[in-house]
Protein backbone atom coordinates (compact mmCIF):
# COMPACT_ATOMS: atom_id res chain seq x y z
CA MET A 1 -15.01 -8.06 4.38
CA ALA A 2 -11.98 -9.77 2.87
CA SER A 3 -10.08 -8.38 -0.11
CA SER A 4 -10.44 -10.09 -3.46
CA LYS A 5 -7.62 -11.81 -5.29
CA ASP A 6 -8.57 -9.88 -8.42
CA TYR A 7 -7.97 -6.56 -6.65
CA ARG A 8 -4.70 -7.89 -5.22
CA ASP A 9 -3.55 -8.95 -8.70
CA TYR A 10 -4.47 -5.54 -10.11
CA ILE A 11 -2.50 -3.73 -7.40
CA LEU A 12 0.53 -5.97 -7.91
CA GLU A 13 0.36 -5.27 -11.64
CA GLN A 14 0.18 -1.52 -10.95
CA LEU A 15 3.25 -1.84 -8.68
CA SER A 16 5.35 -3.65 -11.29
CA GLU A 17 7.79 -0.68 -11.46
CA VAL A 18 8.54 -0.90 -7.72
CA PRO A 19 11.52 -3.21 -7.04
CA GLY A 20 11.01 -6.43 -5.11
CA VAL A 21 7.29 -6.13 -4.34
CA SER A 22 5.80 -9.18 -2.69
CA CYS A 23 2.49 -9.92 -1.06
CA ARG A 24 1.57 -12.12 1.91
CA PRO A 25 -1.98 -13.11 2.83
CA MET A 26 -3.05 -12.23 6.35
CA MET A 27 -6.52 -13.07 7.69
CA GLY A 28 -8.36 -12.36 4.42
CA GLU A 29 -6.27 -9.30 3.59
CA PHE A 30 -2.80 -8.83 2.03
CA LEU A 31 0.39 -7.29 3.41
CA LEU A 32 2.69 -5.61 0.89
CA TYR A 33 6.49 -5.64 1.06
CA SER A 34 9.37 -4.33 -1.03
CA ASN A 35 12.58 -6.28 -0.51
CA GLY A 36 11.38 -7.28 2.95
CA VAL A 37 10.19 -3.79 3.99
CA LEU A 38 6.51 -3.73 4.98
CA PHE A 39 5.09 -0.59 3.36
CA GLY A 40 1.35 -1.19 3.31
CA GLY A 41 -1.46 -3.57 2.61
CA ILE A 42 -4.73 -4.28 0.89
CA TYR A 43 -7.65 -4.09 3.31
CA ASP A 44 -11.28 -4.43 2.16
CA ASP A 45 -10.14 -3.85 -1.44
CA ARG A 46 -8.42 -0.58 -0.47
CA LEU A 47 -4.70 0.09 -0.87
CA LEU A 48 -3.32 1.58 2.33
CA VAL A 49 0.28 2.65 2.97
CA LYS A 50 2.13 3.47 6.15
CA ILE A 51 2.24 7.11 7.17
CA VAL A 52 5.74 8.58 6.96
CA PRO A 53 6.82 12.25 6.86
CA GLU A 54 7.67 12.27 3.15
CA ASN A 55 4.38 10.83 1.85
CA LYS A 56 2.27 13.55 3.51
CA LYS A 57 2.91 15.71 0.42
CA PHE A 58 0.53 13.50 -1.57
CA LYS A 59 -2.41 14.70 0.58
CA MET A 60 -4.02 11.30 1.06
CA GLU A 61 -6.84 10.66 3.52
CA GLU A 62 -6.18 8.61 6.63
CA ALA A 63 -8.02 5.31 7.02
CA ILE A 64 -8.09 2.54 9.60
CA PRO A 65 -7.11 -0.83 8.04
CA TYR A 66 -9.01 -2.93 10.59
CA LEU A 67 -10.62 -2.52 14.00
CA GLY A 68 -7.92 -1.47 16.43
CA GLY A 69 -5.34 -0.82 13.69
CA LYS A 70 -3.15 2.26 13.39
CA PRO A 71 -4.15 4.87 10.82
CA MET A 72 -2.63 4.55 7.36
CA TYR A 73 -2.96 6.56 4.16
CA PHE A 74 -5.62 5.47 1.68
CA VAL A 75 -4.31 5.52 -1.90
CA GLU A 76 -7.49 6.37 -3.73
CA ASP A 77 -6.27 6.64 -7.34
CA VAL A 78 -4.61 3.28 -7.96
CA ASP A 79 -5.24 3.62 -11.71
CA ASP A 80 -2.53 6.28 -12.11
CA LYS A 81 0.45 3.91 -12.24
CA GLU A 82 3.08 6.67 -12.40
CA LYS A 83 1.78 8.52 -9.34
CA LEU A 84 1.17 5.25 -7.47
CA THR A 85 4.77 4.21 -8.11
CA GLU A 86 5.99 7.58 -6.81
CA ILE A 87 3.88 7.27 -3.64
CA ILE A 88 5.10 3.75 -2.91
CA LYS A 89 8.78 4.47 -3.65
CA THR A 90 8.63 7.58 -1.44
CA THR A 91 7.06 5.56 1.37
CA ILE A 92 9.61 2.75 1.10
CA ASP A 93 12.60 5.13 0.95
CA ASN A 94 11.37 6.87 4.10
CA LEU A 95 10.83 3.58 5.93
CA LYS A 96 14.40 2.49 5.09
CA ALA A 97 15.90 5.75 6.40
């Protein structure tokens, strides 16, 4: 099942406080970047982020983005913009390190 553009637009709106967020379509889904750093994606209308040591503190469930893909963390509460921003910034900072 492909992700909807409406869900993509909502996620991008929720990530407006994260610097340099961009989105690229990929086979019906969307990859998410911040200033060129791939930090996650939208798969089947689910926001998933890469697993890094620092984002384990948020106690998110692991999910598989697509058949054969590596596990990622599923960000379940995308409506809490403040917490979502914290999760994404933490993930990005850890990926840059």
